[in-house]
Protein backbone atom coordinates (compact mmCIF):
# COMPACT_ATOMS: atom_id res chain seq x y z
CA MET A 1 17.06 -25.96 -21.41
CA ALA A 2 16.87 -29.00 -19.12
CA GLN A 3 18.61 -32.12 -20.28
CA SER A 4 16.93 -35.55 -20.17
CA THR A 5 18.11 -37.82 -17.62
CA SER A 6 18.10 -41.55 -18.33
CA ILE A 7 18.87 -44.36 -15.99
CA PRO A 8 18.26 -47.92 -16.94
CA LEU A 9 14.81 -49.27 -16.38
CA GLU A 10 16.07 -51.94 -13.95
CA GLY A 11 17.69 -49.27 -11.76
CA LEU A 12 14.74 -47.16 -11.90
CA LEU A 13 12.31 -50.01 -10.74
CA ASN A 14 14.77 -50.83 -7.97
CA LEU A 15 14.36 -47.27 -6.84
CA VAL A 16 10.56 -47.02 -6.99
CA GLY A 17 9.82 -50.55 -5.77
CA THR A 18 7.37 -53.13 -6.96
CA LEU A 19 4.73 -51.83 -9.15
CA ASP A 20 1.37 -53.09 -8.03
CA ASP A 21 -2.09 -51.99 -7.32
CA SER A 22 -1.44 -50.46 -3.85
CA GLU A 23 -3.47 -47.38 -2.92
CA GLY A 24 -2.16 -44.15 -1.54
CA ASP A 25 -0.06 -41.05 -2.58
CA ASP A 26 3.41 -42.55 -2.19
CA THR A 27 3.08 -45.81 -3.99
CA SER A 28 5.68 -47.21 -6.36
CA ARG A 29 3.42 -46.49 -9.22
CA GLU A 30 3.16 -42.82 -8.20
CA ARG A 31 6.91 -42.53 -7.76
CA LEU A 32 7.59 -43.89 -11.09
CA ARG A 33 4.90 -41.53 -12.59
CA ASP A 34 6.49 -38.61 -10.81
CA TYR A 35 9.95 -39.50 -12.05
CA LEU A 36 8.81 -39.83 -15.66
CA GLN A 37 6.97 -36.61 -15.64
CA ARG A 38 9.90 -34.69 -14.08
CA SER A 39 12.90 -36.30 -15.70
CA VAL A 40 11.96 -37.67 -19.20
CA THR A 41 11.88 -34.91 -21.78
CA ASP A 42 12.98 -37.00 -24.82
CA ILE A 43 10.30 -39.35 -26.30
CA GLY A 44 13.10 -41.73 -27.02
CA ILE A 45 13.89 -42.46 -23.50
CA LEU A 46 10.24 -43.28 -22.84
CA ARG A 47 10.20 -45.49 -25.94
CA ASP A 48 13.20 -47.38 -24.64
CA TYR A 49 11.54 -47.84 -21.29
CA ALA A 50 8.47 -49.32 -23.18
CA GLU A 51 10.53 -51.65 -25.30
CA THR A 52 12.32 -52.89 -22.35
CA CYS A 53 9.19 -53.61 -20.44
CA LEU A 54 7.71 -55.32 -23.43
CA ARG A 55 10.76 -57.73 -23.64
CA THR A 56 10.88 -58.38 -19.89
CA SER A 57 8.49 -60.37 -17.83
CA GLY A 58 7.41 -59.37 -14.28
CA PRO A 59 8.53 -61.19 -11.09
């Protein structure tokens, strides 16, 4: 059974880049979505990301 991998949201966003409305197949938004689909297998990790986003304003 695969184990969930969790990295801090700030580190994850630094890896994928600025989340915006850019078009294309290799956008930051698509890289984030791909990471979440492949790596997050525990709902608690996703909940932690969501809570962090709600408490943190964008640039």
